[in-house]
PDB file of N, CA and C in Angstrom:
ATOM      1  N   MET A   1      48.808 -51.827  32.412  1.00  0.00           N
ATOM      2  CA  MET A   1      48.736 -50.831  33.786  1.00  0.00           C
ATOM      3  C   MET A   1      46.808 -51.537  33.552  1.00  0.00           C
ATOM      4  N   LYS A   2      46.622 -51.396  34.338  1.00  0.00           N
ATOM      5  CA  LYS A   2      44.763 -51.644  35.131  1.00  0.00           C
ATOM      6  C   LYS A   2      44.947 -50.293  35.555  1.00  0.00           C
ATOM      7  N   LEU A   3      42.895 -50.105  35.886  1.00  0.00           N
ATOM      8  CA  LEU A   3      42.460 -48.681  36.714  1.00  0.00           C
ATOM      9  C   LEU A   3      43.345 -48.871  38.252  1.00  0.00           C
ATOM     10  N   PHE A   4      43.282 -50.207  38.517  1.00  0.00           N
ATOM     11  CA  PHE A   4      43.525 -50.391  40.390  1.00  0.00           C
ATOM     12  C   PHE A   4      45.105 -50.166  40.742  1.00  0.00           C
ATOM     13  N   ASP A   5      45.181 -50.101  39.236  1.00  0.00           N
ATOM     14  CA  ASP A   5      47.488 -49.744  39.438  1.00  0.00           C
ATOM     15  C   ASP A   5      47.355 -48.132  39.927  1.00  0.00           C
ATOM     16  N   PHE A   6      46.197 -47.446  39.656  1.00  0.00           N
ATOM     17  CA  PHE A   6      46.247 -45.578  39.645  1.00  0.00           C
ATOM     18  C   PHE A   6      45.906 -45.161  41.324  1.00  0.00           C
ATOM     19  N   THR A   7      46.200 -44.231  41.793  1.00  0.00           N
ATOM     20  CA  THR A   7      45.807 -44.597  43.121  1.00  0.00           C
ATOM     21  C   THR A   7      44.232 -43.313  43.189  1.00  0.00           C
ATOM     22  N   ASP A   8      43.708 -43.653  44.272  1.00  0.00           N
ATOM     23  CA  ASP A   8      42.156 -43.476  44.686  1.00  0.00           C
ATOM     24  C   ASP A   8      41.558 -42.502  43.508  1.00  0.00           C
ATOM     25  N   LYS A   9      42.124 -41.327  43.638  1.00  0.00           N
ATOM     26  CA  LYS A   9      42.311 -39.618  43.475  1.00  0.00           C
ATOM     27  C   LYS A   9      42.234 -39.746  41.564  1.00  0.00           C
ATOM     28  N   GLU A  10      43.035 -40.573  41.469  1.00  0.00           N
ATOM     29  CA  GLU A  10      43.343 -40.843  39.880  1.00  0.00           C
ATOM     30  C   GLU A  10      42.374 -41.626  39.010  1.00  0.00           C
ATOM     31  N   GLN A  11      41.899 -42.630  39.895  1.00  0.00           N
ATOM     32  CA  GLN A  11      40.851 -43.134  39.989  1.00  0.00           C
ATOM     33  C   GLN A  11      39.261 -42.498  39.473  1.00  0.00           C
ATOM     34  N   ASP A  12      38.744 -41.454  40.460  1.00  0.00           N
ATOM     35  CA  ASP A  12      38.109 -40.488  40.262  1.00  0.00           C
ATOM     36  C   ASP A  12      38.044 -39.878  39.586  1.00  0.00           C
ATOM     37  N   GLU A  13      39.636 -39.540  38.855  1.00  0.00           N
ATOM     38  CA  GLU A  13      39.755 -38.618  37.912  1.00  0.00           C
ATOM     39  C   GLU A  13      39.045 -38.874  36.731  1.00  0.00           C
ATOM     40  N   ILE A  14      39.840 -40.260  36.388  1.00  0.00           N
ATOM     41  CA  ILE A  14      40.052 -41.277  35.502  1.00  0.00           C
ATOM     42  C   ILE A  14      37.704 -41.262  34.832  1.00  0.00           C
ATOM     43  N   LYS A  15      37.332 -41.639  36.019  1.00  0.00           N
ATOM     44  CA  LYS A  15      36.121 -41.887  35.721  1.00  0.00           C
ATOM     45  C   LYS A  15      35.284 -40.935  35.143  1.00  0.00           C
ATOM     46  N   LYS A  16      35.465 -40.328  35.943  1.00  0.00           N
ATOM     47  CA  LYS A  16      34.998 -38.339  35.711  1.00  0.00           C
ATOM     48  C   LYS A  16      35.447 -38.088  33.958  1.00  0.00           C
ATOM     49  N   GLY A  17      36.480 -38.279  33.862  1.00  0.00           N
ATOM     50  CA  GLY A  17      36.891 -37.532  32.068  1.00  0.00           C
ATOM     51  C   GLY A  17      37.969 -37.321  32.425  1.00  0.00           C
ATOM     52  N   LEU A  18      39.279 -37.254  31.458  1.00  0.00           N
ATOM     53  CA  LEU A  18      40.706 -36.645  32.166  1.00  0.00           C
ATOM     54  C   LEU A  18      39.938 -35.648  30.852  1.00  0.00           C
ATOM     55  N   ALA A  19      40.380 -34.390  31.374  1.00  0.00           N
ATOM     56  CA  ALA A  19      40.591 -32.941  30.521  1.00  0.00           C
ATOM     57  C   ALA A  19      41.499 -33.810  29.447  1.00  0.00           C
ATOM     58  N   THR A  20      41.514 -33.558  27.709  1.00  0.00           N
ATOM     59  CA  THR A  20      42.531 -33.265  27.009  1.00  0.00           C
ATOM     60  C   THR A  20      42.679 -31.791  26.442  1.00  0.00           C
ATOM     61  N   ALA A  21      43.683 -31.423  25.694  1.00  0.00           N
ATOM     62  CA  ALA A  21      44.282 -30.186  25.315  1.00  0.00           C
ATOM     63  C   ALA A  21      43.573 -30.109  23.585  1.00  0.00           C
ATOM     64  N   GLU A  22      42.765 -29.009  24.040  1.00  0.00           N
ATOM     65  CA  GLU A  22      41.952 -27.848  22.563  1.00  0.00           C
ATOM     66  C   GLU A  22      43.701 -28.089  21.227  1.00  0.00           C
ATOM     67  N   ILE A  23      43.806 -29.219  20.869  1.00  0.00           N
ATOM     68  CA  ILE A  23      45.303 -28.847  19.739  1.00  0.00           C
ATOM     69  C   ILE A  23      44.504 -28.523  18.477  1.00  0.00           C
ATOM     70  N   SER A  24      45.230 -26.566  18.327  1.00  0.00           N
ATOM     71  CA  SER A  24      44.927 -25.822  17.149  1.00  0.00           C
ATOM     72  C   SER A  24      44.306 -26.763  15.557  1.00  0.00           C
ATOM     73  N   ASP A  25      45.727 -27.256  15.390  1.00  0.00           N
ATOM     74  CA  ASP A  25      46.530 -28.383  14.825  1.00  0.00           C
ATOM     75  C   ASP A  25      46.767 -29.494  14.517  1.00  0.00           C
ATOM     76  N   LYS A  26      46.033 -30.519  14.604  1.00  0.00           N
ATOM     77  CA  LYS A  26      45.544 -31.866  14.339  1.00  0.00           C
ATOM     78  C   LYS A  26      46.504 -32.509  13.572  1.00  0.00           C
ATOM     79  N   GLU A  27      47.410 -31.958  12.199  1.00  0.00           N
ATOM     80  CA  GLU A  27      48.419 -32.161  11.640  1.00  0.00           C
ATOM     81  C   GLU A  27      49.587 -32.445  11.881  1.00  0.00           C
ATOM     82  N   ALA A  28      49.929 -30.654  12.861  1.00  0.00           N
ATOM     83  CA  ALA A  28      50.976 -30.850  13.798  1.00  0.00           C
ATOM     84  C   ALA A  28      51.207 -31.517  14.539  1.00  0.00           C
ATOM     85  N   GLY A  29      50.056 -31.608  15.710  1.00  0.00           N
ATOM     86  CA  GLY A  29      49.896 -32.661  16.098  1.00  0.00           C
ATOM     87  C   GLY A  29      50.700 -33.992  15.988  1.00  0.00           C
ATOM     88  N   GLN A  30      50.020 -34.463  15.030  1.00  0.00           N
ATOM     89  CA  GLN A  30      50.139 -36.369  14.342  1.00  0.00           C
ATOM     90  C   GLN A  30      51.331 -36.130  13.902  1.00  0.00           C
ATOM     91  N   LYS A  31      52.172 -34.478  13.695  1.00  0.00           N
ATOM     92  CA  LYS A  31      53.649 -34.916  12.730  1.00  0.00           C
ATOM     93  C   LYS A  31      54.625 -35.141  14.495  1.00  0.00           C
ATOM     94  N   ILE A  32      54.195 -34.310  15.723  1.00  0.00           N
ATOM     95  CA  ILE A  32      54.801 -34.779  16.221  1.00  0.00           C
ATOM     96  C   ILE A  32      55.001 -35.720  17.455  1.00  0.00           C
ATOM     97  N   LEU A  33      53.551 -36.122  17.299  1.00  0.00           N
ATOM     98  CA  LEU A  33      53.341 -38.176  18.084  1.00  0.00           C
ATOM     99  C   LEU A  33      53.780 -38.942  17.093  1.00  0.00           C
ATOM    100  N   ASP A  34      54.024 -38.391  15.917  1.00  0.00           N
ATOM    101  CA  ASP A  34      54.410 -39.653  14.806  1.00  0.00           C
ATOM    102  C   ASP A  34      55.987 -39.851  15.570  1.00  0.00           C
ATOM    103  N   LEU A  35      56.600 -39.212  15.601  1.00  0.00           N
ATOM    104  CA  LEU A  35      58.316 -38.932  16.576  1.00  0.00           C
ATOM    105  C   LEU A  35      58.731 -40.030  17.235  1.00  0.00           C
ATOM    106  N   VAL A  36      57.364 -40.023  18.720  1.00  0.00           N
ATOM    107  CA  VAL A  36      57.189 -41.356  19.029  1.00  0.00           C
ATOM    108  C   VAL A  36      57.476 -42.422  19.118  1.00  0.00           C
ATOM    109  N   PRO A  37      58.271 -43.618  19.421  1.00  0.00           N
ATOM    110  CA  PRO A  37      58.085 -45.195  19.354  1.00  0.00           C
ATOM    111  C   PRO A  37      56.647 -46.041  19.645  1.00  0.00           C
ATOM    112  N   GLU A  38      56.222 -46.157  18.002  1.00  0.00           N
ATOM    113  CA  GLU A  38      54.322 -46.884  18.175  1.00  0.00           C
ATOM    114  C   GLU A  38      54.639 -47.536  19.965  1.00  0.00           C
ATOM    115  N   GLU A  39      55.506 -48.048  19.639  1.00  0.00           N
ATOM    116  CA  GLU A  39      55.203 -49.508  21.349  1.00  0.00           C
ATOM    117  C   GLU A  39      55.024 -48.396  22.841  1.00  0.00           C
ATOM    118  N   TRP A  40      55.053 -47.173  22.546  1.00  0.00           N
ATOM    119  CA  TRP A  40      55.472 -46.597  23.995  1.00  0.00           C
ATOM    120  C   TRP A  40      54.234 -46.092  23.863  1.00  0.00           C
ATOM    121  N   ILE A  41      54.108 -45.937  22.438  1.00  0.00           N
ATOM    122  CA  ILE A  41      51.957 -45.016  23.191  1.00  0.00           C
ATOM    123  C   ILE A  41      50.878 -46.255  23.188  1.00  0.00           C
ATOM    124  N   LYS A  42      51.722 -47.677  23.051  1.00  0.00           N
ATOM    125  CA  LYS A  42      50.454 -48.399  23.086  1.00  0.00           C
ATOM    126  C   LYS A  42      50.711 -49.276  24.585  1.00  0.00           C
ATOM    127  N   LYS A  43      51.763 -48.415  25.194  1.00  0.00           N
ATOM    128  CA  LYS A  43      51.791 -48.611  26.573  1.00  0.00           C
ATOM    129  C   LYS A  43      51.248 -48.234  27.796  1.00  0.00           C
ATOM    130  N   ILE A  44      50.637 -46.737  27.372  1.00  0.00           N
ATOM    131  CA  ILE A  44      49.546 -45.605  28.069  1.00  0.00           C
ATOM    132  C   ILE A  44      48.516 -46.594  27.562  1.00  0.00           C
ATOM    133  N   PRO A  45      47.430 -46.859  28.670  1.00  0.00           N
ATOM    134  CA  PRO A  45      46.500 -47.120  28.737  1.00  0.00           C
ATOM    135  C   PRO A  45      45.492 -46.796  28.575  1.00  0.00           C
ATOM    136  N   PHE A  46      44.581 -46.899  27.184  1.00  0.00           N
ATOM    137  CA  PHE A  46      43.979 -46.908  26.468  1.00  0.00           C
ATOM    138  C   PHE A  46      43.147 -45.515  27.290  1.00  0.00           C
ATOM    139  N   PHE A  47      42.653 -45.672  28.588  1.00  0.00           N
ATOM    140  CA  PHE A  47      41.340 -45.018  28.997  1.00  0.00           C
ATOM    141  C   PHE A  47      42.323 -44.020  29.441  1.00  0.00           C
ATOM    142  N   VAL A  48      43.806 -43.764  29.433  1.00  0.00           N
ATOM    143  CA  VAL A  48      44.658 -42.601  29.242  1.00  0.00           C
ATOM    144  C   VAL A  48      44.815 -42.052  28.546  1.00  0.00           C
ATOM    145  N   ARG A  49      45.669 -42.082  27.706  1.00  0.00           N
ATOM    146  CA  ARG A  49      46.264 -42.254  25.848  1.00  0.00           C
ATOM    147  C   ARG A  49      45.642 -40.403  25.701  1.00  0.00           C
ATOM    148  N   ASN A  50      44.744 -40.953  25.159  1.00  0.00           N
ATOM    149  CA  ASN A  50      43.935 -39.281  24.524  1.00  0.00           C
ATOM    150  C   ASN A  50      44.531 -38.549  25.412  1.00  0.00           C
ATOM    151  N   HIS A  51      44.580 -38.109  26.628  1.00  0.00           N
ATOM    152  CA  HIS A  51      44.657 -37.160  27.653  1.00  0.00           C
ATOM    153  C   HIS A  51      45.983 -36.965  27.563  1.00  0.00           C
ATOM    154  N   SER A  52      47.136 -38.460  27.526  1.00  0.00           N
ATOM    155  CA  SER A  52      48.496 -38.048  27.805  1.00  0.00           C
ATOM    156  C   SER A  52      49.589 -37.252  26.627  1.00  0.00           C
ATOM    157  N   THR A  53      48.273 -38.011  25.580  1.00  0.00           N
ATOM    158  CA  THR A  53      49.154 -37.412  24.500  1.00  0.00           C
ATOM    159  C   THR A  53      49.222 -36.339  24.333  1.00  0.00           C
ATOM    160  N   SER A  54      47.437 -35.274  23.880  1.00  0.00           N
ATOM    161  CA  SER A  54      47.041 -34.599  23.760  1.00  0.00           C
ATOM    162  C   SER A  54      47.456 -33.525  24.713  1.00  0.00           C
ATOM    163  N   LYS A  55      47.880 -33.542  25.480  1.00  0.00           N
ATOM    164  CA  LYS A  55      48.315 -32.401  26.637  1.00  0.00           C
ATOM    165  C   LYS A  55      50.051 -32.711  26.677  1.00  0.00           C
ATOM    166  N   THR A  56      50.780 -33.718  25.954  1.00  0.00           N
ATOM    167  CA  THR A  56      51.713 -33.274  25.541  1.00  0.00           C
ATOM    168  C   THR A  56      51.957 -32.497  24.568  1.00  0.00           C
ATOM    169  N   ILE A  57      51.303 -32.685  23.707  1.00  0.00           N
ATOM    170  CA  ILE A  57      51.379 -31.175  22.377  1.00  0.00           C
ATOM    171  C   ILE A  57      51.312 -30.343  22.768  1.00  0.00           C
ATOM    172  N   GLU A  58      50.135 -29.865  23.730  1.00  0.00           N
ATOM    173  CA  GLU A  58      49.736 -28.722  23.958  1.00  0.00           C
ATOM    174  C   GLU A  58      50.574 -28.085  24.538  1.00  0.00           C
ATOM    175  N   ARG A  59      51.816 -29.004  25.766  1.00  0.00           N
ATOM    176  CA  ARG A  59      52.746 -28.639  26.055  1.00  0.00           C
ATOM    177  C   ARG A  59      53.958 -28.127  24.812  1.00  0.00           C
ATOM    178  N   ILE A  60      54.044 -28.832  24.133  1.00  0.00           N
ATOM    179  CA  ILE A  60      55.759 -28.377  23.374  1.00  0.00           C
ATOM    180  C   ILE A  60      54.807 -27.398  23.107  1.00  0.00           C
ATOM    181  N   ALA A  61      53.944 -26.833  22.114  1.00  0.00           N
ATOM    182  CA  ALA A  61      53.195 -25.704  21.857  1.00  0.00           C
ATOM    183  C   ALA A  61      53.638 -25.030  22.394  1.00  0.00           C
ATOM    184  N   ASN A  62      52.934 -24.608  23.595  1.00  0.00           N
ATOM    185  CA  ASN A  62      53.512 -23.923  24.648  1.00  0.00           C
ATOM    186  C   ASN A  62      54.761 -23.578  25.197  1.00  0.00           C
ATOM    187  N   GLU A  63      55.409 -24.456  24.927  1.00  0.00           N
ATOM    188  CA  GLU A  63      56.766 -24.050  25.856  1.00  0.00           C
ATOM    189  C   GLU A  63      58.317 -24.117  24.437  1.00  0.00           C
ATOM    190  N   PHE A  64      57.648 -24.829  23.640  1.00  0.00           N
ATOM    191  CA  PHE A  64      58.375 -25.153  21.815  1.00  0.00           C
ATOM    192  C   PHE A  64      57.752 -24.067  20.858  1.00  0.00           C
ATOM    193  N   PRO A  65      56.951 -22.513  20.958  1.00  0.00           N
ATOM    194  CA  PRO A  65      56.513 -22.323  19.726  1.00  0.00           C
ATOM    195  C   PRO A  65      57.038 -22.163  18.786  1.00  0.00           C
ATOM    196  N   ASP A  66      58.301 -21.940  18.457  1.00  0.00           N
ATOM    197  CA  ASP A  66      58.928 -21.918  17.320  1.00  0.00           C
ATOM    198  C   ASP A  66      58.624 -23.445  17.164  1.00  0.00           C
ATOM    199  N   LEU A  67      58.977 -24.247  17.559  1.00  0.00           N
ATOM    200  CA  LEU A  67      58.990 -25.095  16.708  1.00  0.00           C
ATOM    201  C   LEU A  67      57.701 -26.026  16.168  1.00  0.00           C
ATOM    202  N   TYR A  68      56.579 -25.954  17.600  1.00  0.00           N
ATOM    203  CA  TYR A  68      55.043 -25.850  16.866  1.00  0.00           C
ATOM    204  C   TYR A  68      54.656 -25.611  15.703  1.00  0.00           C
ATOM    205  N   GLU A  69      55.177 -23.862  15.246  1.00  0.00           N
ATOM    206  CA  GLU A  69      55.523 -23.616  14.048  1.00  0.00           C
ATOM    207  C   GLU A  69      56.293 -24.153  12.496  1.00  0.00           C
ATOM    208  N   VAL A  70      57.174 -24.293  13.199  1.00  0.00           N
ATOM    209  CA  VAL A  70      57.136 -25.737  11.875  1.00  0.00           C
ATOM    210  C   VAL A  70      56.400 -26.830  11.735  1.00  0.00           C
ATOM    211  N   ALA A  71      56.378 -27.221  13.097  1.00  0.00           N
ATOM    212  CA  ALA A  71      55.292 -27.975  12.408  1.00  0.00           C
ATOM    213  C   ALA A  71      53.662 -28.232  11.958  1.00  0.00           C
ATOM    214  N   LYS A  72      54.017 -27.321  12.108  1.00  0.00           N
ATOM    215  CA  LYS A  72      51.999 -26.467  11.265  1.00  0.00           C
ATOM    216  C   LYS A  72      52.083 -26.613   9.683  1.00  0.00           C
ATOM    217  N   ARG A  73      53.420 -26.360   9.198  1.00  0.00           N
ATOM    218  CA  ARG A  73      53.750 -25.689   7.849  1.00  0.00           C
ATOM    219  C   ARG A  73      53.218 -27.080   7.071  1.00  0.00           C
ATOM    220  N   PRO A  74      53.120 -27.192   6.196  1.00  0.00           N
ATOM    221  CA  PRO A  74      52.788 -28.289   5.116  1.00  0.00           C
ATOM    222  C   PRO A  74      53.478 -28.509   4.609  1.00  0.00           C
ATOM    223  N   GLY A  75      53.528 -30.330   4.652  1.00  0.00           N
ATOM    224  CA  GLY A  75      54.464 -31.294   4.416  1.00  0.00           C
ATOM    225  C   GLY A  75      55.651 -32.236   5.646  1.00  0.00           C
ATOM    226  N   ASP A  76      56.577 -32.654   5.149  1.00  0.00           N
ATOM    227  CA  ASP A  76      57.756 -32.816   6.419  1.00  0.00           C
ATOM    228  C   ASP A  76      58.385 -31.798   7.065  1.00  0.00           C
ATOM    229  N   LEU A  77      58.459 -32.613   8.261  1.00  0.00           N
ATOM    230  CA  LEU A  77      59.225 -31.685   9.070  1.00  0.00           C
ATOM    231  C   LEU A  77      61.071 -31.647   8.655  1.00  0.00           C
ATOM    232  N   PRO A  78      61.784 -30.440   8.739  1.00  0.00           N
ATOM    233  CA  PRO A  78      62.783 -30.533   7.939  1.00  0.00           C
ATOM    234  C   PRO A  78      63.911 -30.914   9.458  1.00  0.00           C
ATOM    235  N   LYS A  79      64.564 -32.002   8.773  1.00  0.00           N
ATOM    236  CA  LYS A  79      65.727 -32.542   9.569  1.00  0.00           C
ATOM    237  C   LYS A  79      65.667 -32.614  10.877  1.00  0.00           C
ATOM    238  N   LYS A  80      66.838 -31.281  10.843  1.00  0.00           N
ATOM    239  CA  LYS A  80      67.046 -30.388  11.847  1.00  0.00           C
ATOM    240  C   LYS A  80      66.091 -30.498  13.106  1.00  0.00           C
ATOM    241  N   GLU A  81      65.041 -29.836  12.379  1.00  0.00           N
ATOM    242  CA  GLU A  81      63.427 -29.335  14.184  1.00  0.00           C
ATOM    243  C   GLU A  81      62.931 -30.510  14.192  1.00  0.00           C
ATOM    244  N   ARG A  82      62.815 -32.083  12.940  1.00  0.00           N
ATOM    245  CA  ARG A  82      62.418 -33.384  13.431  1.00  0.00           C
ATOM    246  C   ARG A  82      63.103 -33.697  14.258  1.00  0.00           C
ATOM    247  N   GLU A  83      64.295 -33.901  14.778  1.00  0.00           N
ATOM    248  CA  GLU A  83      64.823 -34.290  15.621  1.00  0.00           C
ATOM    249  C   GLU A  83      65.181 -33.538  16.755  1.00  0.00           C
ATOM    250  N   GLU A  84      65.060 -32.433  16.774  1.00  0.00           N
ATOM    251  CA  GLU A  84      65.203 -31.382  18.271  1.00  0.00           C
ATOM    252  C   GLU A  84      64.079 -32.307  18.937  1.00  0.00           C
ATOM    253  N   LEU A  85      62.395 -32.256  17.813  1.00  0.00           N
ATOM    254  CA  LEU A  85      60.963 -32.182  18.076  1.00  0.00           C
ATOM    255  C   LEU A  85      61.079 -33.721  18.677  1.00  0.00           C
ATOM    256  N   ARG A  86      61.196 -34.704  18.351  1.00  0.00           N
ATOM    257  CA  ARG A  86      62.143 -35.974  18.847  1.00  0.00           C
ATOM    258  C   ARG A  86      62.070 -36.022  19.834  1.00  0.00           C
ATOM    259  N   LYS A  87      63.883 -35.357  20.383  1.00  0.00           N
ATOM    260  CA  LYS A  87      64.570 -35.397  21.171  1.00  0.00           C
ATOM    261  C   LYS A  87      63.578 -34.878  22.693  1.00  0.00           C
ATOM    262  N   ILE A  88      62.577 -33.716  22.148  1.00  0.00           N
ATOM    263  CA  ILE A  88      61.741 -33.666  23.672  1.00  0.00           C
ATOM    264  C   ILE A  88      61.154 -34.134  23.908  1.00  0.00           C
ATOM    265  N   ILE A  89      59.871 -34.741  22.566  1.00  0.00           N
ATOM    266  CA  ILE A  89      58.519 -35.862  23.247  1.00  0.00           C
ATOM    267  C   ILE A  89      59.419 -36.776  23.476  1.00  0.00           C
ATOM    268  N   THR A  90      60.272 -37.823  23.312  1.00  0.00           N
ATOM    269  CA  THR A  90      61.134 -38.800  23.939  1.00  0.00           C
ATOM    270  C   THR A  90      61.656 -38.701  24.997  1.00  0.00           C
ATOM    271  N   ASP A  91      62.015 -37.726  25.306  1.00  0.00           N
ATOM    272  CA  ASP A  91      62.397 -37.144  27.024  1.00  0.00           C
ATOM    273  C   ASP A  91      60.623 -36.697  27.931  1.00  0.00           C
ATOM    274  N   ILE A  92      60.234 -36.742  27.244  1.00  0.00           N
ATOM    275  CA  ILE A  92      58.760 -35.961  28.312  1.00  0.00           C
ATOM    276  C   ILE A  92      58.350 -37.435  28.484  1.00  0.00           C
ATOM    277  N   PHE A  93      58.342 -38.015  26.619  1.00  0.00           N
ATOM    278  CA  PHE A  93      56.843 -39.539  27.285  1.00  0.00           C
ATOM    279  C   PHE A  93      58.409 -40.134  28.239  1.00  0.00           C
ATOM    280  N   ARG A  94      59.745 -39.923  28.559  1.00  0.00           N
ATOM    281  CA  ARG A  94      60.298 -40.724  29.340  1.00  0.00           C
ATOM    282  C   ARG A  94      59.874 -40.734  30.757  1.00  0.00           C
ATOM    283  N   GLU A  95      60.095 -39.165  31.461  1.00  0.00           N
ATOM    284  CA  GLU A  95      59.262 -38.160  32.264  1.00  0.00           C
ATOM    285  C   GLU A  95      58.010 -39.157  32.980  1.00  0.00           C
ATOM    286  N   LYS A  96      56.817 -39.433  31.912  1.00  0.00           N
ATOM    287  CA  LYS A  96      55.588 -39.468  32.084  1.00  0.00           C
ATOM    288  C   LYS A  96      55.809 -41.046  32.284  1.00  0.00           C
ATOM    289  N   MET A  97      56.587 -41.336  31.518  1.00  0.00           N
ATOM    290  CA  MET A  97      56.225 -43.192  31.708  1.00  0.00           C
ATOM    291  C   MET A  97      57.422 -43.352  32.942  1.00  0.00           C
ATOM    292  N   ALA A  98      57.923 -42.686  33.049  1.00  0.00           N
ATOM    293  CA  ALA A  98      58.750 -42.851  34.827  1.00  0.00           C
ATOM    294  C   ALA A  98      57.672 -43.087  36.316  1.00  0.00           C
ATOM    295  N   LYS A  99      57.236 -41.747  36.158  1.00  0.00           N
ATOM    296  CA  LYS A  99      56.618 -41.368  36.681  1.00  0.00           C
ATOM    297  C   LYS A  99      55.417 -41.812  37.246  1.00  0.00           C
ATOM    298  N   HIS A 100      54.601 -42.440  36.090  1.00  0.00           N
ATOM    299  CA  HIS A 100      53.583 -43.868  36.470  1.00  0.00           C
ATOM    300  C   HIS A 100      53.896 -45.475  36.030  1.00  0.00           C
ATOM    301  N   ASN A 101      55.262 -45.279  36.776  1.00  0.00           N
ATOM    302  CA  ASN A 101      56.029 -46.603  36.110  1.00  0.00           C
ATOM    303  C   ASN A 101      55.769 -47.762  35.292  1.00  0.00           C
ATOM    304  N   ILE A 102      55.601 -46.797  34.259  1.00  0.00           N
ATOM    305  CA  ILE A 102      55.013 -47.662  32.763  1.00  0.00           C
ATOM    306  C   ILE A 102      56.415 -48.014  32.253  1.00  0.00           C
ATOM    307  N   LYS A 103      56.762 -49.923  31.764  1.00  0.00           N
ATOM    308  CA  LYS A 103      57.615 -49.631  31.364  1.00  0.00           C
ATOM    309  C   LYS A 103      57.609 -50.677  30.032  1.00  0.00           C
TER     310      LYS A 103
END
């Protein structure tokens, strides 16, 4: 996917710099992102990748605060919560990738 694949409005936003979320706990965010298949992350154009991933973590923190709190704990994610978070984040990525025609 190239910059010209986006609408003119999206191209203007990209050129200005897309907003990124302030993640309160980078380690928790990384634990959650690690649940996404690496090849999916690589399919996101590099110039929107940080925006996409940080906003997804922010969305999970807002919509699923109990699971985000579990991710903030030191150590590995418990199996039950890991699977819940894996389903949530992969569903979000599937939705976003379909919206932007990323295959």
